[in-house]
Amino acid sequence: MPTYDYQCQNCNHEFELFQQMSDPVKKKCPECATLKLKRLIGAGSGIMFKGSGFYETDYRSDAYKKDAKKAQDSTTGKKKTDAKSKKETNPSSPTPKKD
């Protein structure tokens, strides 16, 4: 159920009212009892996440997950092959010389 903001046009009293969407709009001010109450347009309430945590990757589609895994594997595979070629061309320990 949403919370609505109201303001009296007569006494400028402002208040919030928690009511169902199907409820009629209030017209009578609780302070001055005139029928000059107006419902204000508000920003509404934001999304409230409750729980241990919410991440944008929690609810990704299977196709997205497969594509992301392929991309990650291709970048990590490239790094491994680069490391192998560096080892072959630049040995870390020098070869002993024979006299």
PDB file of N, CA and C in Angstrom:
ATOM      1  N   MET A   1       0.846  -1.186   0.000  1.00  0.00           N
ATOM      2  CA  MET A   1       0.000   0.000   0.000  1.00  0.00           C
ATOM      3  C   MET A   1       0.890   1.248   0.000  1.00  0.00           C
ATOM      4  N   PRO A   2       0.559   2.185  -0.845  1.00  0.00           N
ATOM      5  CA  PRO A   2       1.380   3.403  -0.934  1.00  0.00           C
ATOM      6  C   PRO A   2       1.056   4.424   0.151  1.00  0.00           C
ATOM      7  N   THR A   3       1.989   5.323   0.346  1.00  0.00           N
ATOM      8  CA  THR A   3       1.812   6.444   1.259  1.00  0.00           C
ATOM      9  C   THR A   3       1.562   7.695   0.417  1.00  0.00           C
ATOM     10  N   TYR A   4       0.507   8.410   0.707  1.00  0.00           N
ATOM     11  CA  TYR A   4       0.158   9.622  -0.032  1.00  0.00           C
ATOM     12  C   TYR A   4       0.392  10.854   0.826  1.00  0.00           C
ATOM     13  N   ASP A   5       0.857  11.922   0.190  1.00  0.00           N
ATOM     14  CA  ASP A   5       1.041  13.206   0.865  1.00  0.00           C
ATOM     15  C   ASP A   5      -0.177  14.073   0.589  1.00  0.00           C
ATOM     16  N   TYR A   6      -0.659  14.729   1.622  1.00  0.00           N
ATOM     17  CA  TYR A   6      -1.802  15.639   1.499  1.00  0.00           C
ATOM     18  C   TYR A   6      -1.429  16.998   2.066  1.00  0.00           C
ATOM     19  N   GLN A   7      -2.068  18.044   1.516  1.00  0.00           N
ATOM     20  CA  GLN A   7      -1.877  19.400   2.023  1.00  0.00           C
ATOM     21  C   GLN A   7      -3.220  20.125   1.966  1.00  0.00           C
ATOM     22  N   CYS A   8      -3.531  20.827   3.056  1.00  0.00           N
ATOM     23  CA  CYS A   8      -4.758  21.618   3.118  1.00  0.00           C
ATOM     24  C   CYS A   8      -4.504  22.964   2.446  1.00  0.00           C
ATOM     25  N   GLN A   9      -5.403  23.367   1.562  1.00  0.00           N
ATOM     26  CA  GLN A   9      -5.276  24.645   0.866  1.00  0.00           C
ATOM     27  C   GLN A   9      -5.676  25.814   1.775  1.00  0.00           C
ATOM     28  N   ASN A  10      -6.364  25.513   2.867  1.00  0.00           N
ATOM     29  CA  ASN A  10      -6.827  26.550   3.785  1.00  0.00           C
ATOM     30  C   ASN A  10      -5.782  26.857   4.868  1.00  0.00           C
ATOM     31  N   CYS A  11      -5.309  25.845   5.578  1.00  0.00           N
ATOM     32  CA  CYS A  11      -4.388  26.064   6.707  1.00  0.00           C
ATOM     33  C   CYS A  11      -2.960  25.605   6.424  1.00  0.00           C
ATOM     34  N   ASN A  12      -2.679  25.065   5.248  1.00  0.00           N
ATOM     35  CA  ASN A  12      -1.365  24.570   4.824  1.00  0.00           C
ATOM     36  C   ASN A  12      -0.846  23.401   5.662  1.00  0.00           C
ATOM     37  N   HIS A  13      -1.728  22.710   6.349  1.00  0.00           N
ATOM     38  CA  HIS A  13      -1.334  21.523   7.110  1.00  0.00           C
ATOM     39  C   HIS A  13      -0.957  20.413   6.129  1.00  0.00           C
ATOM     40  N   GLU A  14       0.226  19.819   6.341  1.00  0.00           N
ATOM     41  CA  GLU A  14       0.689  18.723   5.493  1.00  0.00           C
ATOM     42  C   GLU A  14       0.813  17.456   6.321  1.00  0.00           C
ATOM     43  N   PHE A  15       0.449  16.329   5.716  1.00  0.00           N
ATOM     44  CA  PHE A  15       0.584  15.047   6.391  1.00  0.00           C
ATOM     45  C   PHE A  15       0.639  13.930   5.359  1.00  0.00           C
ATOM     46  N   GLU A  16       1.087  12.773   5.819  1.00  0.00           N
ATOM     47  CA  GLU A  16       1.151  11.580   4.990  1.00  0.00           C
ATOM     48  C   GLU A  16       0.053  10.626   5.447  1.00  0.00           C
ATOM     49  N   LEU A  17      -0.507   9.911   4.481  1.00  0.00           N
ATOM     50  CA  LEU A  17      -1.562   8.960   4.794  1.00  0.00           C
ATOM     51  C   LEU A  17      -1.270   7.647   4.077  1.00  0.00           C
ATOM     52  N   PHE A  18      -1.227   6.581   4.821  1.00  0.00           N
ATOM     53  CA  PHE A  18      -0.982   5.245   4.302  1.00  0.00           C
ATOM     54  C   PHE A  18      -2.326   4.636   3.953  1.00  0.00           C
ATOM     55  N   GLN A  19      -2.606   4.504   2.655  1.00  0.00           N
ATOM     56  CA  GLN A  19      -3.910   3.991   2.246  1.00  0.00           C
ATOM     57  C   GLN A  19      -3.792   3.184   0.962  1.00  0.00           C
ATOM     58  N   GLN A  20      -4.816   2.377   0.713  1.00  0.00           N
ATOM     59  CA  GLN A  20      -4.840   1.555  -0.484  1.00  0.00           C
ATOM     60  C   GLN A  20      -5.080   2.417  -1.721  1.00  0.00           C
ATOM     61  N   MET A  21      -4.656   1.904  -2.866  1.00  0.00           N
ATOM     62  CA  MET A  21      -4.851   2.644  -4.111  1.00  0.00           C
ATOM     63  C   MET A  21      -6.337   2.779  -4.452  1.00  0.00           C
ATOM     64  N   SER A  22      -7.127   1.822  -4.027  1.00  0.00           N
ATOM     65  CA  SER A  22      -8.555   1.850  -4.329  1.00  0.00           C
ATOM     66  C   SER A  22      -9.350   2.768  -3.389  1.00  0.00           C
ATOM     67  N   ASP A  23      -8.722   3.233  -2.295  1.00  0.00           N
ATOM     68  CA  ASP A  23      -9.405   4.141  -1.372  1.00  0.00           C
ATOM     69  C   ASP A  23      -9.658   5.488  -2.043  1.00  0.00           C
ATOM     70  N   PRO A  24     -10.781   6.135  -1.704  1.00  0.00           N
ATOM     71  CA  PRO A  24     -11.050   7.462  -2.292  1.00  0.00           C
ATOM     72  C   PRO A  24     -10.092   8.519  -1.745  1.00  0.00           C
ATOM     73  N   VAL A  25      -9.868   9.557  -2.532  1.00  0.00           N
ATOM     74  CA  VAL A  25      -9.005  10.663  -2.126  1.00  0.00           C
ATOM     75  C   VAL A  25      -9.676  11.408  -0.974  1.00  0.00           C
ATOM     76  N   LYS A  26      -8.899  11.694   0.071  1.00  0.00           N
ATOM     77  CA  LYS A  26      -9.442  12.416   1.228  1.00  0.00           C
ATOM     78  C   LYS A  26      -9.678  13.871   0.848  1.00  0.00           C
ATOM     79  N   LYS A  27     -10.740  14.458   1.377  1.00  0.00           N
ATOM     80  CA  LYS A  27     -11.076  15.840   1.052  1.00  0.00           C
ATOM     81  C   LYS A  27     -11.150  16.748   2.276  1.00  0.00           C
ATOM     82  N   LYS A  28     -11.336  16.152   3.454  1.00  0.00           N
ATOM     83  CA  LYS A  28     -11.519  16.938   4.671  1.00  0.00           C
ATOM     84  C   LYS A  28     -10.230  17.003   5.475  1.00  0.00           C
ATOM     85  N   CYS A  29      -9.776  18.210   5.795  1.00  0.00           N
ATOM     86  CA  CYS A  29      -8.555  18.419   6.569  1.00  0.00           C
ATOM     87  C   CYS A  29      -8.784  17.998   8.021  1.00  0.00           C
ATOM     88  N   PRO A  30      -7.870  17.210   8.607  1.00  0.00           N
ATOM     89  CA  PRO A  30      -8.039  16.798  10.002  1.00  0.00           C
ATOM     90  C   PRO A  30      -7.777  17.937  10.993  1.00  0.00           C
ATOM     91  N   GLU A  31      -7.122  19.011  10.580  1.00  0.00           N
ATOM     92  CA  GLU A  31      -6.818  20.138  11.469  1.00  0.00           C
ATOM     93  C   GLU A  31      -7.946  21.174  11.501  1.00  0.00           C
ATOM     94  N   CYS A  32      -8.324  21.692  10.324  1.00  0.00           N
ATOM     95  CA  CYS A  32      -9.300  22.787  10.294  1.00  0.00           C
ATOM     96  C   CYS A  32     -10.692  22.341   9.832  1.00  0.00           C
ATOM     97  N   ALA A  33     -10.837  21.090   9.445  1.00  0.00           N
ATOM     98  CA  ALA A  33     -12.114  20.482   9.055  1.00  0.00           C
ATOM     99  C   ALA A  33     -12.749  21.102   7.816  1.00  0.00           C
ATOM    100  N   THR A  34     -11.975  21.814   6.986  1.00  0.00           N
ATOM    101  CA  THR A  34     -12.521  22.334   5.725  1.00  0.00           C
ATOM    102  C   THR A  34     -12.340  21.276   4.633  1.00  0.00           C
ATOM    103  N   LEU A  35     -13.043  21.446   3.547  1.00  0.00           N
ATOM    104  CA  LEU A  35     -12.971  20.497   2.442  1.00  0.00           C
ATOM    105  C   LEU A  35     -12.002  20.987   1.361  1.00  0.00           C
ATOM    106  N   LYS A  36     -10.854  21.462   1.788  1.00  0.00           N
ATOM    107  CA  LYS A  36      -9.862  21.990   0.847  1.00  0.00           C
ATOM    108  C   LYS A  36      -8.566  21.177   0.876  1.00  0.00           C
ATOM    109  N   LEU A  37      -8.693  19.888   1.068  1.00  0.00           N
ATOM    110  CA  LEU A  37      -7.530  19.017   1.117  1.00  0.00           C
ATOM    111  C   LEU A  37      -7.146  18.587  -0.296  1.00  0.00           C
ATOM    112  N   LYS A  38      -5.853  18.601  -0.575  1.00  0.00           N
ATOM    113  CA  LYS A  38      -5.371  18.241  -1.901  1.00  0.00           C
ATOM    114  C   LYS A  38      -4.271  17.200  -1.763  1.00  0.00           C
ATOM    115  N   ARG A  39      -4.357  16.155  -2.612  1.00  0.00           N
ATOM    116  CA  ARG A  39      -3.311  15.131  -2.605  1.00  0.00           C
ATOM    117  C   ARG A  39      -2.161  15.636  -3.462  1.00  0.00           C
ATOM    118  N   LEU A  40      -0.947  15.577  -2.900  1.00  0.00           N
ATOM    119  CA  LEU A  40       0.241  16.069  -3.599  1.00  0.00           C
ATOM    120  C   LEU A  40       0.871  14.963  -4.438  1.00  0.00           C
ATOM    121  N   ILE A  41       1.560  15.378  -5.468  1.00  0.00           N
ATOM    122  CA  ILE A  41       2.298  14.430  -6.291  1.00  0.00           C
ATOM    123  C   ILE A  41       3.668  14.272  -5.657  1.00  0.00           C
ATOM    124  N   GLY A  42       3.967  13.080  -5.232  1.00  0.00           N
ATOM    125  CA  GLY A  42       5.238  12.827  -4.554  1.00  0.00           C
ATOM    126  C   GLY A  42       6.157  11.984  -5.414  1.00  0.00           C
ATOM    127  N   ALA A  43       7.363  11.863  -4.955  1.00  0.00           N
ATOM    128  CA  ALA A  43       8.351  11.047  -5.662  1.00  0.00           C
ATOM    129  C   ALA A  43       8.078   9.562  -5.466  1.00  0.00           C
ATOM    130  N   GLY A  44       7.254   9.239  -4.505  1.00  0.00           N
ATOM    131  CA  GLY A  44       6.980   7.846  -4.215  1.00  0.00           C
ATOM    132  C   GLY A  44       8.075   7.263  -3.350  1.00  0.00           C
ATOM    133  N   SER A  45       7.925   6.036  -3.012  1.00  0.00           N
ATOM    134  CA  SER A  45       8.959   5.409  -2.188  1.00  0.00           C
ATOM    135  C   SER A  45       9.929   4.678  -3.088  1.00  0.00           C
ATOM    136  N   GLY A  46      11.149   4.628  -2.665  1.00  0.00           N
ATOM    137  CA  GLY A  46      12.160   3.915  -3.428  1.00  0.00           C
ATOM    138  C   GLY A  46      12.050   2.424  -3.203  1.00  0.00           C
ATOM    139  N   ILE A  47      12.795   1.691  -3.959  1.00  0.00           N
ATOM    140  CA  ILE A  47      12.810   0.246  -3.801  1.00  0.00           C
ATOM    141  C   ILE A  47      13.602  -0.086  -2.545  1.00  0.00           C
ATOM    142  N   MET A  48      13.025  -0.916  -1.726  1.00  0.00           N
ATOM    143  CA  MET A  48      13.702  -1.311  -0.496  1.00  0.00           C
ATOM    144  C   MET A  48      14.133  -2.761  -0.635  1.00  0.00           C
ATOM    145  N   PHE A  49      15.440  -2.992  -0.572  1.00  0.00           N
ATOM    146  CA  PHE A  49      15.967  -4.344  -0.621  1.00  0.00           C
ATOM    147  C   PHE A  49      16.259  -4.792   0.801  1.00  0.00           C
ATOM    148  N   LYS A  50      15.713  -5.923   1.158  1.00  0.00           N
ATOM    149  CA  LYS A  50      15.967  -6.471   2.482  1.00  0.00           C
ATOM    150  C   LYS A  50      16.586  -7.840   2.308  1.00  0.00           C
ATOM    151  N   GLY A  51      17.629  -8.103   3.035  1.00  0.00           N
ATOM    152  CA  GLY A  51      18.270  -9.404   2.947  1.00  0.00           C
ATOM    153  C   GLY A  51      19.770  -9.264   3.059  1.00  0.00           C
ATOM    154  N   SER A  52      20.453 -10.365   2.801  1.00  0.00           N
ATOM    155  CA  SER A  52      21.902 -10.382   2.972  1.00  0.00           C
ATOM    156  C   SER A  52      22.629  -9.604   1.899  1.00  0.00           C
ATOM    157  N   GLY A  53      22.058  -9.499   0.707  1.00  0.00           N
ATOM    158  CA  GLY A  53      22.730  -8.743  -0.343  1.00  0.00           C
ATOM    159  C   GLY A  53      22.075  -8.945  -1.684  1.00  0.00           C
ATOM    160  N   PHE A  54      22.167  -7.932  -2.513  1.00  0.00           N
ATOM    161  CA  PHE A  54      21.607  -7.987  -3.848  1.00  0.00           C
ATOM    162  C   PHE A  54      22.657  -7.450  -4.805  1.00  0.00           C
ATOM    163  N   TYR A  55      22.937  -8.212  -5.826  1.00  0.00           N
ATOM    164  CA  TYR A  55      23.938  -7.821  -6.800  1.00  0.00           C
ATOM    165  C   TYR A  55      23.331  -7.927  -8.189  1.00  0.00           C
ATOM    166  N   GLU A  56      23.851  -7.136  -9.110  1.00  0.00           N
ATOM    167  CA  GLU A  56      23.284  -7.128 -10.456  1.00  0.00           C
ATOM    168  C   GLU A  56      23.495  -8.458 -11.166  1.00  0.00           C
ATOM    169  N   THR A  57      24.459  -9.245 -10.729  1.00  0.00           N
ATOM    170  CA  THR A  57      24.732 -10.524 -11.384  1.00  0.00           C
ATOM    171  C   THR A  57      23.942 -11.680 -10.780  1.00  0.00           C
ATOM    172  N   ASP A  58      23.163 -11.442  -9.757  1.00  0.00           N
ATOM    173  CA  ASP A  58      22.421 -12.523  -9.110  1.00  0.00           C
ATOM    174  C   ASP A  58      21.390 -13.172 -10.029  1.00  0.00           C
ATOM    175  N   TYR A  59      20.740 -12.390 -10.845  1.00  0.00           N
ATOM    176  CA  TYR A  59      19.618 -12.898 -11.624  1.00  0.00           C
ATOM    177  C   TYR A  59      19.883 -12.792 -13.128  1.00  0.00           C
ATOM    178  N   ARG A  60      21.114 -12.969 -13.540  1.00  0.00           N
ATOM    179  CA  ARG A  60      21.443 -12.914 -14.960  1.00  0.00           C
ATOM    180  C   ARG A  60      20.927 -14.163 -15.664  1.00  0.00           C
ATOM    181  N   SER A  61      20.682 -14.032 -16.972  1.00  0.00           N
ATOM    182  CA  SER A  61      20.199 -15.162 -17.755  1.00  0.00           C
ATOM    183  C   SER A  61      21.338 -16.158 -17.986  1.00  0.00           C
ATOM    184  N   ASP A  62      20.969 -17.382 -18.346  1.00  0.00           N
ATOM    185  CA  ASP A  62      21.971 -18.416 -18.587  1.00  0.00           C
ATOM    186  C   ASP A  62      22.847 -18.065 -19.777  1.00  0.00           C
ATOM    187  N   ALA A  63      22.252 -17.454 -20.812  1.00  0.00           N
ATOM    188  CA  ALA A  63      23.023 -17.069 -21.998  1.00  0.00           C
ATOM    189  C   ALA A  63      24.089 -16.040 -21.623  1.00  0.00           C
ATOM    190  N   TYR A  64      23.738 -15.090 -20.783  1.00  0.00           N
ATOM    191  CA  TYR A  64      24.704 -14.079 -20.354  1.00  0.00           C
ATOM    192  C   TYR A  64      25.847 -14.728 -19.581  1.00  0.00           C
ATOM    193  N   LYS A  65      25.501 -15.651 -18.692  1.00  0.00           N
ATOM    194  CA  LYS A  65      26.524 -16.316 -17.884  1.00  0.00           C
ATOM    195  C   LYS A  65      27.487 -17.113 -18.767  1.00  0.00           C
ATOM    196  N   LYS A  66      26.946 -17.805 -19.802  1.00  0.00           N
ATOM    197  CA  LYS A  66      27.798 -18.577 -20.703  1.00  0.00           C
ATOM    198  C   LYS A  66      28.741 -17.661 -21.476  1.00  0.00           C
ATOM    199  N   ASP A  67      28.222 -16.548 -21.990  1.00  0.00           N
ATOM    200  CA  ASP A  67      29.051 -15.595 -22.735  1.00  0.00           C
ATOM    201  C   ASP A  67      30.130 -14.987 -21.838  1.00  0.00           C
ATOM    202  N   ALA A  68      29.788 -14.666 -20.614  1.00  0.00           N
ATOM    203  CA  ALA A  68      30.761 -14.087 -19.684  1.00  0.00           C
ATOM    204  C   ALA A  68      31.851 -15.103 -19.358  1.00  0.00           C
ATOM    205  N   LYS A  69      31.478 -16.359 -19.206  1.00  0.00           N
ATOM    206  CA  LYS A  69      32.467 -17.408 -18.916  1.00  0.00           C
ATOM    207  C   LYS A  69      33.404 -17.592 -20.102  1.00  0.00           C
ATOM    208  N   LYS A  70      32.859 -17.577 -21.330  1.00  0.00           N
ATOM    209  CA  LYS A  70      33.697 -17.694 -22.520  1.00  0.00           C
ATOM    210  C   LYS A  70      34.692 -16.545 -22.594  1.00  0.00           C
ATOM    211  N   ALA A  71      34.220 -15.341 -22.348  1.00  0.00           N
ATOM    212  CA  ALA A  71      35.093 -14.167 -22.400  1.00  0.00           C
ATOM    213  C   ALA A  71      36.178 -14.254 -21.343  1.00  0.00           C
ATOM    214  N   GLN A  72      35.823 -14.694 -20.157  1.00  0.00           N
ATOM    215  CA  GLN A  72      36.813 -14.814 -19.078  1.00  0.00           C
ATOM    216  C   GLN A  72      37.829 -15.907 -19.398  1.00  0.00           C
ATOM    217  N   ASP A  73      37.353 -17.032 -19.931  1.00  0.00           N
ATOM    218  CA  ASP A  73      38.259 -18.127 -20.275  1.00  0.00           C
ATOM    219  C   ASP A  73      39.217 -17.724 -21.391  1.00  0.00           C
ATOM    220  N   SER A  74      38.722 -16.966 -22.352  1.00  0.00           N
ATOM    221  CA  SER A  74      39.587 -16.565 -23.458  1.00  0.00           C
ATOM    222  C   SER A  74      40.666 -15.592 -22.994  1.00  0.00           C
ATOM    223  N   THR A  75      40.367 -14.713 -22.060  1.00  0.00           N
ATOM    224  CA  THR A  75      41.392 -13.780 -21.566  1.00  0.00           C
ATOM    225  C   THR A  75      42.379 -14.487 -20.648  1.00  0.00           C
ATOM    226  N   THR A  76      41.919 -15.405 -19.818  1.00  0.00           N
ATOM    227  CA  THR A  76      42.846 -16.120 -18.934  1.00  0.00           C
ATOM    228  C   THR A  76      43.665 -17.125 -19.725  1.00  0.00           C
ATOM    229  N   GLY A  77      43.101 -17.732 -20.754  1.00  0.00           N
ATOM    230  CA  GLY A  77      43.843 -18.657 -21.608  1.00  0.00           C
ATOM    231  C   GLY A  77      44.956 -17.941 -22.345  1.00  0.00           C
ATOM    232  N   LYS A  78      44.710 -16.725 -22.793  1.00  0.00           N
ATOM    233  CA  LYS A  78      45.710 -15.927 -23.499  1.00  0.00           C
ATOM    234  C   LYS A  78      46.879 -15.598 -22.570  1.00  0.00           C
ATOM    235  N   LYS A  79      46.582 -15.265 -21.340  1.00  0.00           N
ATOM    236  CA  LYS A  79      47.632 -14.942 -20.376  1.00  0.00           C
ATOM    237  C   LYS A  79      48.504 -16.160 -20.088  1.00  0.00           C
ATOM    238  N   LYS A  80      47.897 -17.354 -20.024  1.00  0.00           N
ATOM    239  CA  LYS A  80      48.663 -18.569 -19.751  1.00  0.00           C
ATOM    240  C   LYS A  80      49.603 -18.885 -20.909  1.00  0.00           C
ATOM    241  N   THR A  81      49.136 -18.725 -22.140  1.00  0.00           N
ATOM    242  CA  THR A  81      49.998 -19.021 -23.285  1.00  0.00           C
ATOM    243  C   THR A  81      51.106 -17.993 -23.383  1.00  0.00           C
ATOM    244  N   ASP A  82      50.853 -16.740 -23.063  1.00  0.00           N
ATOM    245  CA  ASP A  82      51.894 -15.715 -23.057  1.00  0.00           C
ATOM    246  C   ASP A  82      52.964 -16.050 -22.025  1.00  0.00           C
ATOM    247  N   ALA A  83      52.556 -16.522 -20.876  1.00  0.00           N
ATOM    248  CA  ALA A  83      53.502 -16.865 -19.819  1.00  0.00           C
ATOM    249  C   ALA A  83      54.367 -18.040 -20.254  1.00  0.00           C
ATOM    250  N   LYS A  84      53.794 -19.023 -20.971  1.00  0.00           N
ATOM    251  CA  LYS A  84      54.552 -20.172 -21.444  1.00  0.00           C
ATOM    252  C   LYS A  84      55.608 -19.747 -22.455  1.00  0.00           C
ATOM    253  N   SER A  85      55.219 -18.883 -23.387  1.00  0.00           N
ATOM    254  CA  SER A  85      56.171 -18.461 -24.415  1.00  0.00           C
ATOM    255  C   SER A  85      57.304 -17.640 -23.810  1.00  0.00           C
ATOM    256  N   LYS A  86      57.028 -16.878 -22.783  1.00  0.00           N
ATOM    257  CA  LYS A  86      58.079 -16.111 -22.121  1.00  0.00           C
ATOM    258  C   LYS A  86      59.068 -17.028 -21.421  1.00  0.00           C
ATOM    259  N   LYS A  87      58.575 -18.112 -20.816  1.00  0.00           N
ATOM    260  CA  LYS A  87      59.457 -19.058 -20.146  1.00  0.00           C
ATOM    261  C   LYS A  87      60.379 -19.739 -21.141  1.00  0.00           C
ATOM    262  N   GLU A  88      59.875 -20.071 -22.312  1.00  0.00           N
ATOM    263  CA  GLU A  88      60.672 -20.759 -23.314  1.00  0.00           C
ATOM    264  C   GLU A  88      61.755 -19.850 -23.882  1.00  0.00           C
ATOM    265  N   THR A  89      61.458 -18.581 -24.091  1.00  0.00           N
ATOM    266  CA  THR A  89      62.422 -17.676 -24.694  1.00  0.00           C
ATOM    267  C   THR A  89      63.395 -17.102 -23.671  1.00  0.00           C
ATOM    268  N   ASN A  90      62.965 -16.888 -22.449  1.00  0.00           N
ATOM    269  CA  ASN A  90      63.814 -16.307 -21.408  1.00  0.00           C
ATOM    270  C   ASN A  90      63.899 -17.266 -20.237  1.00  0.00           C
ATOM    271  N   PRO A  91      64.839 -18.164 -20.228  1.00  0.00           N
ATOM    272  CA  PRO A  91      64.921 -19.074 -19.084  1.00  0.00           C
ATOM    273  C   PRO A  91      65.304 -18.296 -17.825  1.00  0.00           C
ATOM    274  N   SER A  92      64.724 -18.674 -16.728  1.00  0.00           N
ATOM    275  CA  SER A  92      64.970 -17.958 -15.490  1.00  0.00           C
ATOM    276  C   SER A  92      66.345 -18.277 -14.910  1.00  0.00           C
ATOM    277  N   SER A  93      66.838 -19.490 -15.114  1.00  0.00           N
ATOM    278  CA  SER A  93      68.172 -19.820 -14.601  1.00  0.00           C
ATOM    279  C   SER A  93      69.123 -19.993 -15.794  1.00  0.00           C
ATOM    280  N   PRO A  94      70.288 -19.392 -15.710  1.00  0.00           N
ATOM    281  CA  PRO A  94      71.241 -19.521 -16.831  1.00  0.00           C
ATOM    282  C   PRO A  94      71.794 -20.945 -16.913  1.00  0.00           C
ATOM    283  N   THR A  95      72.088 -21.354 -18.137  1.00  0.00           N
ATOM    284  CA  THR A  95      72.635 -22.688 -18.315  1.00  0.00           C
ATOM    285  C   THR A  95      74.107 -22.677 -17.917  1.00  0.00           C
ATOM    286  N   PRO A  96      74.564 -23.702 -17.231  1.00  0.00           N
ATOM    287  CA  PRO A  96      75.966 -23.739 -16.798  1.00  0.00           C
ATOM    288  C   PRO A  96      76.907 -23.900 -18.004  1.00  0.00           C
ATOM    289  N   LYS A  97      78.006 -23.186 -17.944  1.00  0.00           N
ATOM    290  CA  LYS A  97      78.979 -23.249 -19.024  1.00  0.00           C
ATOM    291  C   LYS A  97      79.966 -24.386 -18.760  1.00  0.00           C
ATOM    292  N   LYS A  98      80.339 -25.048 -19.804  1.00  0.00           N
ATOM    293  CA  LYS A  98      81.305 -26.135 -19.682  1.00  0.00           C
ATOM    294  C   LYS A  98      82.689 -25.622 -20.087  1.00  0.00           C
ATOM    295  N   ASP A  99      83.718 -25.941 -19.325  1.00  0.00           N
ATOM    296  CA  ASP A  99      85.093 -25.512 -19.640  1.00  0.00           C
ATOM    297  C   ASP A  99      85.813 -26.489 -20.478  1.00  0.00           C
TER     298      ASP A  99
END
